[in-house]
């Protein structure tokens, strides 16, 4: 028997209602009932969050009715953004955007507006006479211009 995606989605939504800073990044259910969840949070995701969601789902799905496997993990830092809330989470942080036209930019995300796009602040050095001057520019990009976005990890 195939698992109903809506049933699993409702269980996730119920869990998120009680844990408001957590949001769903992706939900995949294979034809062999392998459930794969990626979650994130504005406050960071720990193993305890993954375990709590896993338990919540397992306590509400009956393996006697439908056998399944379940994997709950956090959205990886090196992975491209999949949902708008990831853009919201990283406002004020450095991101790397890859445009559909082939251009790649790194800069600080100043703002993100759902259904519209982002504002990216880039900095470059320009030689004016004998002096190097720092040039700061803000550019707007609509989501349909962006192929993928990743957080810039700095240590």
Protein backbone atom coordinates (compact mmCIF):
# COMPACT_ATOMS: atom_id res chain seq x y z
CA UNK A 1 0.00 0.00 0.00
CA UNK A 2 1.30 3.45 -0.96
CA UNK A 3 1.55 6.12 1.73
CA UNK A 4 -0.63 9.19 1.24
CA UNK A 5 1.57 12.29 0.93
CA UNK A 6 -1.23 14.50 2.32
CA UNK A 7 -1.36 12.41 5.52
CA UNK A 8 2.39 12.80 6.06
CA UNK A 9 2.21 16.52 5.19
CA UNK A 10 -0.54 17.04 7.79
CA UNK A 11 1.59 15.33 10.48
CA UNK A 12 4.51 17.61 9.58
CA UNK A 13 2.25 20.69 9.62
CA UNK A 14 0.90 19.73 13.06
CA UNK A 15 4.47 19.35 14.38
CA UNK A 16 5.54 22.69 12.88
CA UNK A 17 2.55 24.45 14.50
CA UNK A 18 3.96 23.46 17.89
CA UNK A 19 7.56 24.27 16.90
CA UNK A 20 7.10 27.55 15.04
CA UNK A 21 10.72 28.30 14.17
CA UNK A 22 11.00 25.00 12.25
CA UNK A 23 10.01 24.78 8.59
CA UNK A 24 9.88 22.06 5.96
CA UNK A 25 12.46 22.26 3.18
CA UNK A 26 11.48 19.10 1.30
CA UNK A 27 9.31 16.01 1.56
CA UNK A 28 9.83 13.01 -0.70
CA UNK A 29 7.96 9.71 -0.56
CA UNK A 30 9.15 6.98 -2.90
CA UNK A 31 6.95 4.28 -4.42
CA UNK A 32 8.45 1.89 -1.85
CA UNK A 33 7.27 4.18 1.00
CA UNK A 34 10.65 5.66 1.88
CA UNK A 35 9.92 9.03 3.48
CA UNK A 36 12.73 11.60 3.31
CA UNK A 37 12.29 14.91 5.12
CA UNK A 38 14.59 17.92 5.21
CA UNK A 39 13.82 20.53 7.85
CA UNK A 40 15.39 23.81 8.86
CA UNK A 41 14.84 26.48 11.49
CA UNK A 42 15.50 30.16 12.01
CA UNK A 43 17.27 29.11 15.23
CA UNK A 44 19.23 26.17 13.80
CA UNK A 45 18.32 22.50 13.65
CA UNK A 46 19.74 19.93 16.01
CA UNK A 47 19.46 16.18 16.22
CA UNK A 48 16.78 16.59 18.91
CA UNK A 49 14.50 18.40 16.42
CA UNK A 50 14.95 15.63 13.84
CA UNK A 51 14.28 12.97 16.46
CA UNK A 52 11.18 14.77 17.76
CA UNK A 53 9.65 15.05 14.28
CA UNK A 54 10.56 11.45 13.52
CA UNK A 55 8.84 10.28 16.72
CA UNK A 56 5.80 12.46 16.01
CA UNK A 57 5.36 10.84 12.59
CA UNK A 58 6.07 7.30 13.83
CA UNK A 59 3.54 7.71 16.67
CA UNK A 60 0.85 8.70 14.19
CA UNK A 61 1.44 6.27 11.31
CA UNK A 62 0.60 2.59 11.71
CA UNK A 63 3.28 0.26 10.31
CA UNK A 64 0.74 -2.58 10.45
CA UNK A 65 -1.39 -0.75 7.89
CA UNK A 66 1.48 0.52 5.72
CA UNK A 67 5.16 -0.32 6.14
CA UNK A 68 7.56 2.60 5.57
CA UNK A 69 11.07 3.86 6.28
CA UNK A 70 11.64 7.38 7.58
CA UNK A 71 14.63 9.70 7.39
CA UNK A 72 14.49 13.17 8.96
CA UNK A 73 17.52 15.43 8.59
CA UNK A 74 18.48 19.09 8.50
CA UNK A 75 18.98 20.97 5.26
CA UNK A 76 22.72 20.87 4.57
CA UNK A 77 24.70 24.10 4.64
CA UNK A 78 26.32 23.36 1.30
CA UNK A 79 23.02 22.55 -0.40
CA UNK A 80 21.14 25.03 -2.62
CA UNK A 81 18.09 26.75 -1.12
CA UNK A 82 14.83 24.94 -1.85
CA UNK A 83 12.19 27.11 -0.13
CA UNK A 84 11.63 30.83 0.44
CA UNK A 85 12.04 30.58 4.22
CA UNK A 86 15.70 29.71 3.64
CA UNK A 87 16.11 33.10 1.95
CA UNK A 88 14.42 34.76 4.93
CA UNK A 89 16.71 32.92 7.34
CA UNK A 90 19.86 34.21 5.67
CA UNK A 91 18.96 37.90 5.21
CA UNK A 92 22.06 39.85 6.28
CA UNK A 93 24.37 36.93 5.46
CA UNK A 94 26.69 36.31 2.53
CA UNK A 95 25.23 34.15 -0.21
CA UNK A 96 26.38 32.81 -3.53
CA UNK A 97 23.84 33.10 -6.35
CA UNK A 98 24.09 31.39 -9.69
CA UNK A 99 22.04 33.15 -12.36
CA UNK A 100 20.36 31.26 -15.21
CA UNK A 101 22.39 33.38 -17.66
CA UNK A 102 25.57 31.74 -16.29
CA UNK A 103 26.81 34.57 -14.05
CA UNK A 104 27.81 33.87 -10.43
CA UNK A 105 27.75 36.52 -7.68
CA UNK A 106 28.71 36.56 -4.01
CA UNK A 107 27.37 39.22 -1.70
CA UNK A 108 25.29 40.07 1.33
CA UNK A 109 21.56 39.46 0.96
CA UNK A 110 19.89 42.69 2.07
CA UNK A 111 16.28 41.59 1.59
CA UNK A 112 14.08 38.84 0.16
CA UNK A 113 10.46 39.23 -0.86
CA UNK A 114 8.30 36.18 -1.45
CA UNK A 115 7.20 35.79 -5.05
CA UNK A 116 9.50 38.60 -6.16
CA UNK A 117 13.20 38.21 -5.45
CA UNK A 118 16.21 39.37 -3.48
CA UNK A 119 18.45 42.39 -3.08
CA UNK A 120 22.14 41.54 -3.08
CA UNK A 121 24.89 43.90 -1.93
CA UNK A 122 28.22 43.29 -3.63
CA UNK A 123 31.59 44.86 -2.89
CA UNK A 124 34.49 45.25 -5.31
CA UNK A 125 37.77 47.12 -5.45
CA UNK A 126 38.30 49.67 -8.21
CA UNK A 127 41.51 51.54 -8.93
CA UNK A 128 40.88 55.25 -9.31
CA UNK A 129 44.15 56.97 -10.10
CA UNK A 130 46.71 55.51 -7.69
CA UNK A 131 44.15 54.65 -4.99
CA UNK A 132 42.02 51.56 -4.63
CA UNK A 133 38.44 52.40 -3.77
CA UNK A 134 35.81 50.07 -2.38
CA UNK A 135 32.65 50.13 -4.51
CA UNK A 136 29.45 48.84 -2.89
CA UNK A 137 26.51 48.12 -5.19
CA UNK A 138 23.02 46.79 -4.57
CA UNK A 139 21.36 44.72 -7.25
CA UNK A 140 17.89 43.20 -7.40
CA UNK A 141 17.27 39.75 -8.80
CA UNK A 142 13.92 38.14 -9.42
CA UNK A 143 13.61 34.49 -8.43
CA UNK A 144 13.04 33.47 -12.06
CA UNK A 145 16.52 34.86 -12.88
CA UNK A 146 18.20 32.70 -10.20
CA UNK A 147 19.24 29.13 -10.97
CA UNK A 148 20.39 28.35 -7.41
CA UNK A 149 21.47 30.03 -4.18
CA UNK A 150 23.78 28.78 -1.45
CA UNK A 151 24.95 30.22 1.85
CA UNK A 152 28.62 31.25 1.92
CA UNK A 153 30.26 29.36 4.76
CA UNK A 154 33.02 31.29 6.50
CA UNK A 155 35.04 30.25 9.51
